[in-house]
PDB file of N, CA and C in Angstrom:
ATOM      1  N   UNK A   1      -8.843  25.710 -21.944  1.00  0.00           N
ATOM      2  CA  UNK A   1      -9.923  25.207 -21.123  1.00  0.00           C
ATOM      3  C   UNK A   1      -9.591  23.778 -20.700  1.00  0.00           C
ATOM      4  N   UNK A   2      -9.886  23.439 -19.464  1.00  0.00           N
ATOM      5  CA  UNK A   2      -9.570  22.099 -18.984  1.00  0.00           C
ATOM      6  C   UNK A   2     -10.813  21.437 -18.416  1.00  0.00           C
ATOM      7  N   UNK A   3     -10.753  20.128 -18.366  1.00  0.00           N
ATOM      8  CA  UNK A   3     -11.830  19.333 -17.798  1.00  0.00           C
ATOM      9  C   UNK A   3     -11.365  18.808 -16.451  1.00  0.00           C
ATOM     10  N   UNK A   4     -12.179  18.958 -15.387  1.00  0.00           N
ATOM     11  CA  UNK A   4     -11.745  18.449 -14.089  1.00  0.00           C
ATOM     12  C   UNK A   4     -11.598  16.929 -14.108  1.00  0.00           C
ATOM     13  N   UNK A   5     -10.661  16.426 -13.358  1.00  0.00           N
ATOM     14  CA  UNK A   5     -10.435  14.989 -13.295  1.00  0.00           C
ATOM     15  C   UNK A   5      -9.702  14.642 -12.027  1.00  0.00           C
ATOM     16  N   UNK A   6      -9.391  13.381 -11.872  1.00  0.00           N
ATOM     17  CA  UNK A   6      -8.694  12.916 -10.687  1.00  0.00           C
ATOM     18  C   UNK A   6      -7.364  12.309 -11.051  1.00  0.00           C
ATOM     19  N   UNK A   7      -6.432  12.406 -10.141  1.00  0.00           N
ATOM     20  CA  UNK A   7      -5.106  11.830 -10.325  1.00  0.00           C
ATOM     21  C   UNK A   7      -4.686  11.223  -9.002  1.00  0.00           C
ATOM     22  N   UNK A   8      -4.315   9.952  -9.020  1.00  0.00           N
ATOM     23  CA  UNK A   8      -3.844   9.267  -7.816  1.00  0.00           C
ATOM     24  C   UNK A   8      -2.367   8.978  -7.990  1.00  0.00           C
ATOM     25  N   UNK A   9      -1.583   9.422  -7.036  1.00  0.00           N
ATOM     26  CA  UNK A   9      -0.154   9.135  -7.038  1.00  0.00           C
ATOM     27  C   UNK A   9       0.138   8.199  -5.871  1.00  0.00           C
ATOM     28  N   UNK A  10       0.674   7.029  -6.178  1.00  0.00           N
ATOM     29  CA  UNK A  10       1.057   6.069  -5.142  1.00  0.00           C
ATOM     30  C   UNK A  10       2.577   6.032  -5.142  1.00  0.00           C
ATOM     31  N   UNK A  11       3.161   6.607  -4.117  1.00  0.00           N
ATOM     32  CA  UNK A  11       4.618   6.688  -4.026  1.00  0.00           C
ATOM     33  C   UNK A  11       5.078   5.760  -2.914  1.00  0.00           C
ATOM     34  N   UNK A  12       5.997   4.859  -3.250  1.00  0.00           N
ATOM     35  CA  UNK A  12       6.518   3.913  -2.264  1.00  0.00           C
ATOM     36  C   UNK A  12       8.030   4.003  -2.264  1.00  0.00           C
ATOM     37  N   UNK A  13       8.619   4.061  -1.090  1.00  0.00           N
ATOM     38  CA  UNK A  13      10.068   4.106  -0.967  1.00  0.00           C
ATOM     39  C   UNK A  13      10.486   3.368   0.293  1.00  0.00           C
ATOM     40  N   UNK A  14      11.666   2.791   0.272  1.00  0.00           N
ATOM     41  CA  UNK A  14      12.181   2.099   1.452  1.00  0.00           C
ATOM     42  C   UNK A  14      12.482   3.082   2.578  1.00  0.00           C
ATOM     43  N   UNK A  15      12.841   4.303   2.242  1.00  0.00           N
ATOM     44  CA  UNK A  15      13.133   5.338   3.235  1.00  0.00           C
ATOM     45  C   UNK A  15      12.125   6.471   3.063  1.00  0.00           C
ATOM     46  N   UNK A  16      11.544   6.928   4.170  1.00  0.00           N
ATOM     47  CA  UNK A  16      10.530   7.987   4.104  1.00  0.00           C
ATOM     48  C   UNK A  16      11.054   9.255   3.451  1.00  0.00           C
ATOM     49  N   UNK A  17      12.327   9.583   3.685  1.00  0.00           N
ATOM     50  CA  UNK A  17      12.852  10.820   3.125  1.00  0.00           C
ATOM     51  C   UNK A  17      12.903  10.790   1.602  1.00  0.00           C
ATOM     52  N   UNK A  18      13.140   9.620   0.993  1.00  0.00           N
ATOM     53  CA  UNK A  18      13.136   9.521  -0.463  1.00  0.00           C
ATOM     54  C   UNK A  18      11.731   9.760  -1.017  1.00  0.00           C
ATOM     55  N   UNK A  19      10.735   9.146  -0.385  1.00  0.00           N
ATOM     56  CA  UNK A  19       9.353   9.351  -0.817  1.00  0.00           C
ATOM     57  C   UNK A  19       8.922  10.796  -0.674  1.00  0.00           C
ATOM     58  N   UNK A  20       9.284  11.406   0.442  1.00  0.00           N
ATOM     59  CA  UNK A  20       8.940  12.805   0.690  1.00  0.00           C
ATOM     60  C   UNK A  20       9.581  13.711  -0.355  1.00  0.00           C
ATOM     61  N   UNK A  21      10.864  13.506  -0.627  1.00  0.00           N
ATOM     62  CA  UNK A  21      11.576  14.344  -1.595  1.00  0.00           C
ATOM     63  C   UNK A  21      11.029  14.159  -3.009  1.00  0.00           C
ATOM     64  N   UNK A  22      10.723  12.914  -3.391  1.00  0.00           N
ATOM     65  CA  UNK A  22      10.154  12.673  -4.714  1.00  0.00           C
ATOM     66  C   UNK A  22       8.805  13.373  -4.858  1.00  0.00           C
ATOM     67  N   UNK A  23       7.973  13.284  -3.819  1.00  0.00           N
ATOM     68  CA  UNK A  23       6.676  13.963  -3.845  1.00  0.00           C
ATOM     69  C   UNK A  23       6.858  15.468  -3.996  1.00  0.00           C
ATOM     70  N   UNK A  24       7.797  16.045  -3.261  1.00  0.00           N
ATOM     71  CA  UNK A  24       8.043  17.488  -3.337  1.00  0.00           C
ATOM     72  C   UNK A  24       8.474  17.904  -4.739  1.00  0.00           C
ATOM     73  N   UNK A  25       9.408  17.151  -5.331  1.00  0.00           N
ATOM     74  CA  UNK A  25       9.877  17.456  -6.679  1.00  0.00           C
ATOM     75  C   UNK A  25       8.750  17.312  -7.704  1.00  0.00           C
ATOM     76  N   UNK A  26       7.949  16.278  -7.558  1.00  0.00           N
ATOM     77  CA  UNK A  26       6.845  16.038  -8.478  1.00  0.00           C
ATOM     78  C   UNK A  26       5.804  17.145  -8.407  1.00  0.00           C
ATOM     79  N   UNK A  27       5.416  17.524  -7.193  1.00  0.00           N
ATOM     80  CA  UNK A  27       4.428  18.595  -7.034  1.00  0.00           C
ATOM     81  C   UNK A  27       4.971  19.931  -7.527  1.00  0.00           C
ATOM     82  N   UNK A  28       6.252  20.176  -7.313  1.00  0.00           N
ATOM     83  CA  UNK A  28       6.865  21.405  -7.849  1.00  0.00           C
ATOM     84  C   UNK A  28       6.818  21.409  -9.371  1.00  0.00           C
ATOM     85  N   UNK A  29       7.101  20.258  -9.990  1.00  0.00           N
ATOM     86  CA  UNK A  29       7.097  20.171 -11.447  1.00  0.00           C
ATOM     87  C   UNK A  29       5.688  20.351 -12.019  1.00  0.00           C
ATOM     88  N   UNK A  30       4.681  19.851 -11.326  1.00  0.00           N
ATOM     89  CA  UNK A  30       3.299  19.975 -11.813  1.00  0.00           C
ATOM     90  C   UNK A  30       2.732  21.373 -11.561  1.00  0.00           C
ATOM     91  N   UNK A  31       3.291  22.060 -10.591  1.00  0.00           N
ATOM     92  CA  UNK A  31       2.908  23.448 -10.326  1.00  0.00           C
ATOM     93  C   UNK A  31       1.429  23.649 -10.085  1.00  0.00           C
ATOM     94  N   UNK A  32       0.864  24.663 -10.756  1.00  0.00           N
ATOM     95  CA  UNK A  32      -0.548  25.017 -10.591  1.00  0.00           C
ATOM     96  C   UNK A  32      -1.486  24.139 -11.422  1.00  0.00           C
ATOM     97  N   UNK A  33      -0.930  23.160 -12.134  1.00  0.00           N
ATOM     98  CA  UNK A  33      -1.768  22.291 -12.962  1.00  0.00           C
ATOM     99  C   UNK A  33      -2.627  21.357 -12.114  1.00  0.00           C
ATOM    100  N   UNK A  34      -2.244  21.155 -10.858  1.00  0.00           N
ATOM    101  CA  UNK A  34      -3.017  20.279  -9.971  1.00  0.00           C
ATOM    102  C   UNK A  34      -3.248  20.963  -8.632  1.00  0.00           C
ATOM    103  N   UNK A  35      -4.254  20.488  -7.935  1.00  0.00           N
ATOM    104  CA  UNK A  35      -4.524  20.914  -6.572  1.00  0.00           C
ATOM    105  C   UNK A  35      -4.640  19.661  -5.716  1.00  0.00           C
ATOM    106  N   UNK A  36      -3.849  19.578  -4.653  1.00  0.00           N
ATOM    107  CA  UNK A  36      -3.901  18.398  -3.799  1.00  0.00           C
ATOM    108  C   UNK A  36      -5.160  18.456  -2.936  1.00  0.00           C
ATOM    109  N   UNK A  37      -5.921  17.377  -2.978  1.00  0.00           N
ATOM    110  CA  UNK A  37      -7.161  17.304  -2.203  1.00  0.00           C
ATOM    111  C   UNK A  37      -6.981  16.477  -0.939  1.00  0.00           C
ATOM    112  N   UNK A  38      -6.084  15.480  -0.970  1.00  0.00           N
ATOM    113  CA  UNK A  38      -5.915  14.584   0.171  1.00  0.00           C
ATOM    114  C   UNK A  38      -4.534  13.964   0.105  1.00  0.00           C
ATOM    115  N   UNK A  39      -3.979  13.682   1.251  1.00  0.00           N
ATOM    116  CA  UNK A  39      -2.689  13.000   1.329  1.00  0.00           C
ATOM    117  C   UNK A  39      -2.753  11.992   2.467  1.00  0.00           C
ATOM    118  N   UNK A  40      -2.354  10.758   2.190  1.00  0.00           N
ATOM    119  CA  UNK A  40      -2.363   9.698   3.196  1.00  0.00           C
ATOM    120  C   UNK A  40      -0.971   9.083   3.232  1.00  0.00           C
ATOM    121  N   UNK A  41      -0.404   8.981   4.407  1.00  0.00           N
ATOM    122  CA  UNK A  41       0.911   8.368   4.565  1.00  0.00           C
ATOM    123  C   UNK A  41       0.761   7.053   5.304  1.00  0.00           C
ATOM    124  N   UNK A  42       1.497   6.062   4.878  1.00  0.00           N
ATOM    125  CA  UNK A  42       1.498   4.764   5.537  1.00  0.00           C
ATOM    126  C   UNK A  42       2.904   4.428   5.997  1.00  0.00           C
ATOM    127  N   UNK A  43       3.031   3.341   6.714  1.00  0.00           N
ATOM    128  CA  UNK A  43       4.337   2.939   7.201  1.00  0.00           C
ATOM    129  C   UNK A  43       4.351   1.437   7.444  1.00  0.00           C
ATOM    130  N   UNK A  44       5.528   0.880   7.445  1.00  0.00           N
ATOM    131  CA  UNK A  44       5.723  -0.522   7.785  1.00  0.00           C
ATOM    132  C   UNK A  44       5.987  -0.593   9.278  1.00  0.00           C
ATOM    133  N   UNK A  45       5.304  -1.490   9.954  1.00  0.00           N
ATOM    134  CA  UNK A  45       5.369  -1.532  11.416  1.00  0.00           C
ATOM    135  C   UNK A  45       6.097  -2.782  11.901  1.00  0.00           C
ATOM    136  N   UNK A  46       7.153  -2.602  12.636  1.00  0.00           N
ATOM    137  CA  UNK A  46       7.833  -3.689  13.342  1.00  0.00           C
ATOM    138  C   UNK A  46       8.028  -4.949  12.500  1.00  0.00           C
ATOM    139  N   UNK A  47       8.788  -4.839  11.442  1.00  0.00           N
ATOM    140  CA  UNK A  47       9.138  -5.994  10.617  1.00  0.00           C
ATOM    141  C   UNK A  47       7.902  -6.718  10.097  1.00  0.00           C
ATOM    142  N   UNK A  48       6.973  -5.969   9.499  1.00  0.00           N
ATOM    143  CA  UNK A  48       5.754  -6.474   8.851  1.00  0.00           C
ATOM    144  C   UNK A  48       4.673  -6.960   9.806  1.00  0.00           C
ATOM    145  N   UNK A  49       4.779  -6.690  11.091  1.00  0.00           N
ATOM    146  CA  UNK A  49       3.709  -7.023  12.035  1.00  0.00           C
ATOM    147  C   UNK A  49       2.622  -5.959  11.937  1.00  0.00           C
ATOM    148  N   UNK A  50       1.369  -6.347  12.183  1.00  0.00           N
ATOM    149  CA  UNK A  50       0.307  -5.342  12.223  1.00  0.00           C
ATOM    150  C   UNK A  50       0.380  -4.601  13.559  1.00  0.00           C
ATOM    151  N   UNK A  51      -0.534  -3.669  13.765  1.00  0.00           N
ATOM    152  CA  UNK A  51      -0.466  -2.851  14.975  1.00  0.00           C
ATOM    153  C   UNK A  51      -0.759  -3.633  16.254  1.00  0.00           C
ATOM    154  N   UNK A  52      -1.287  -4.861  16.125  1.00  0.00           N
ATOM    155  CA  UNK A  52      -1.515  -5.711  17.291  1.00  0.00           C
ATOM    156  C   UNK A  52      -0.352  -6.668  17.539  1.00  0.00           C
ATOM    157  N   UNK A  53       0.626  -6.678  16.622  1.00  0.00           N
ATOM    158  CA  UNK A  53       1.805  -7.519  16.800  1.00  0.00           C
ATOM    159  C   UNK A  53       1.806  -8.803  16.010  1.00  0.00           C
ATOM    160  N   UNK A  54       0.786  -9.039  15.185  1.00  0.00           N
ATOM    161  CA  UNK A  54       0.705 -10.276  14.411  1.00  0.00           C
ATOM    162  C   UNK A  54       1.223 -10.072  12.995  1.00  0.00           C
ATOM    163  N   UNK A  55       1.745 -11.143  12.382  1.00  0.00           N
ATOM    164  CA  UNK A  55       2.132 -11.130  10.977  1.00  0.00           C
ATOM    165  C   UNK A  55       1.014 -11.837  10.217  1.00  0.00           C
ATOM    166  N   UNK A  56       0.350 -11.127   9.315  1.00  0.00           N
ATOM    167  CA  UNK A  56      -0.767 -11.688   8.581  1.00  0.00           C
ATOM    168  C   UNK A  56      -0.299 -12.827   7.681  1.00  0.00           C
ATOM    169  N   UNK A  57      -0.984 -13.950   7.747  1.00  0.00           N
ATOM    170  CA  UNK A  57      -0.689 -15.081   6.883  1.00  0.00           C
ATOM    171  C   UNK A  57       0.399 -15.999   7.382  1.00  0.00           C
ATOM    172  N   UNK A  58       0.952 -15.717   8.520  1.00  0.00           N
ATOM    173  CA  UNK A  58       2.067 -16.507   9.023  1.00  0.00           C
ATOM    174  C   UNK A  58       1.662 -17.948   9.338  1.00  0.00           C
ATOM    175  N   UNK A  59       0.397 -18.171   9.728  1.00  0.00           N
ATOM    176  CA  UNK A  59      -0.040 -19.508  10.092  1.00  0.00           C
ATOM    177  C   UNK A  59      -0.917 -20.156   9.028  1.00  0.00           C
ATOM    178  N   UNK A  60      -0.889 -19.635   7.817  1.00  0.00           N
ATOM    179  CA  UNK A  60      -1.693 -20.236   6.753  1.00  0.00           C
ATOM    180  C   UNK A  60      -1.181 -21.632   6.441  1.00  0.00           C
ATOM    181  N   UNK A  61      -2.097 -22.578   6.233  1.00  0.00           N
ATOM    182  CA  UNK A  61      -1.681 -23.941   5.915  1.00  0.00           C
ATOM    183  C   UNK A  61      -1.029 -24.012   4.534  1.00  0.00           C
ATOM    184  N   UNK A  62      -0.182 -25.006   4.359  1.00  0.00           N
ATOM    185  CA  UNK A  62       0.479 -25.214   3.069  1.00  0.00           C
ATOM    186  C   UNK A  62       0.341 -26.667   2.653  1.00  0.00           C
ATOM    187  N   UNK A  63       0.592 -26.917   1.385  1.00  0.00           N
ATOM    188  CA  UNK A  63       0.584 -28.284   0.868  1.00  0.00           C
ATOM    189  C   UNK A  63      -0.745 -28.999   1.059  1.00  0.00           C
ATOM    190  N   UNK A  64      -0.706 -30.236   1.520  1.00  0.00           N
ATOM    191  CA  UNK A  64      -1.895 -31.053   1.711  1.00  0.00           C
ATOM    192  C   UNK A  64      -2.799 -30.573   2.834  1.00  0.00           C
ATOM    193  N   UNK A  65      -2.297 -29.739   3.734  1.00  0.00           N
ATOM    194  CA  UNK A  65      -3.103 -29.221   4.841  1.00  0.00           C
ATOM    195  C   UNK A  65      -4.125 -28.172   4.403  1.00  0.00           C
ATOM    196  N   UNK A  66      -3.960 -27.631   3.195  1.00  0.00           N
ATOM    197  CA  UNK A  66      -4.850 -26.571   2.719  1.00  0.00           C
ATOM    198  C   UNK A  66      -6.292 -27.059   2.635  1.00  0.00           C
ATOM    199  N   UNK A  67      -6.529 -28.226   2.053  1.00  0.00           N
ATOM    200  CA  UNK A  67      -7.895 -28.747   1.871  1.00  0.00           C
ATOM    201  C   UNK A  67      -8.561 -29.020   3.205  1.00  0.00           C
ATOM    202  N   UNK A  68      -7.839 -29.540   4.160  1.00  0.00           N
ATOM    203  CA  UNK A  68      -8.436 -29.832   5.461  1.00  0.00           C
ATOM    204  C   UNK A  68      -8.772 -28.570   6.253  1.00  0.00           C
ATOM    205  N   UNK A  69      -8.088 -27.480   5.977  1.00  0.00           N
ATOM    206  CA  UNK A  69      -8.324 -26.238   6.706  1.00  0.00           C
ATOM    207  C   UNK A  69      -9.517 -25.463   6.157  1.00  0.00           C
ATOM    208  N   UNK A  70      -9.859 -25.686   4.892  1.00  0.00           N
ATOM    209  CA  UNK A  70     -10.972 -24.950   4.269  1.00  0.00           C
ATOM    210  C   UNK A  70     -12.273 -25.696   4.518  1.00  0.00           C
ATOM    211  N   UNK A  71     -13.323 -24.997   4.888  1.00  0.00           N
ATOM    212  CA  UNK A  71     -14.593 -25.656   5.197  1.00  0.00           C
ATOM    213  C   UNK A  71     -15.388 -26.002   3.961  1.00  0.00           C
ATOM    214  N   UNK A  72     -15.271 -25.181   2.912  1.00  0.00           N
ATOM    215  CA  UNK A  72     -16.056 -25.420   1.692  1.00  0.00           C
ATOM    216  C   UNK A  72     -15.154 -25.622   0.486  1.00  0.00           C
ATOM    217  N   UNK A  73     -14.033 -26.259   0.693  1.00  0.00           N
ATOM    218  CA  UNK A  73     -13.090 -26.448  -0.406  1.00  0.00           C
ATOM    219  C   UNK A  73     -13.479 -27.657  -1.235  1.00  0.00           C
ATOM    220  N   UNK A  74     -13.291 -27.520  -2.519  1.00  0.00           N
ATOM    221  CA  UNK A  74     -13.491 -28.680  -3.395  1.00  0.00           C
ATOM    222  C   UNK A  74     -12.135 -29.096  -3.916  1.00  0.00           C
ATOM    223  N   UNK A  75     -11.417 -29.829  -3.121  1.00  0.00           N
ATOM    224  CA  UNK A  75     -10.097 -30.310  -3.502  1.00  0.00           C
ATOM    225  C   UNK A  75     -10.227 -31.752  -3.972  1.00  0.00           C
ATOM    226  N   UNK A  76      -9.554 -32.063  -5.051  1.00  0.00           N
ATOM    227  CA  UNK A  76      -9.663 -33.383  -5.632  1.00  0.00           C
ATOM    228  C   UNK A  76      -8.702 -34.278  -5.039  1.00  0.00           C
TER     229      UNK A  76
END
C-alpha cells in the first residue's frame, strides 16, 4: 500500500540533449512507481538576455553608489 505524494525533479544541463536523455533514463528506472503530472522546459536566451533583450541586473549600482540609488536605505 502506498501513500500519494509529490516529487519535483529539477534537471539542468548545458546541452538540451543531455537533460532529455537523463530524464528518459530516470523515468524508465522509476517505471510505474510514478505518474508524470506536468513537465516544464526552460531555456537560456541569447547569452542571458531576457525575451525583451535586456540582461537583468546589468545596471545595478556598486560600491558607494548603492546607498544613493536606494530610496529607503539605511546606510551608515
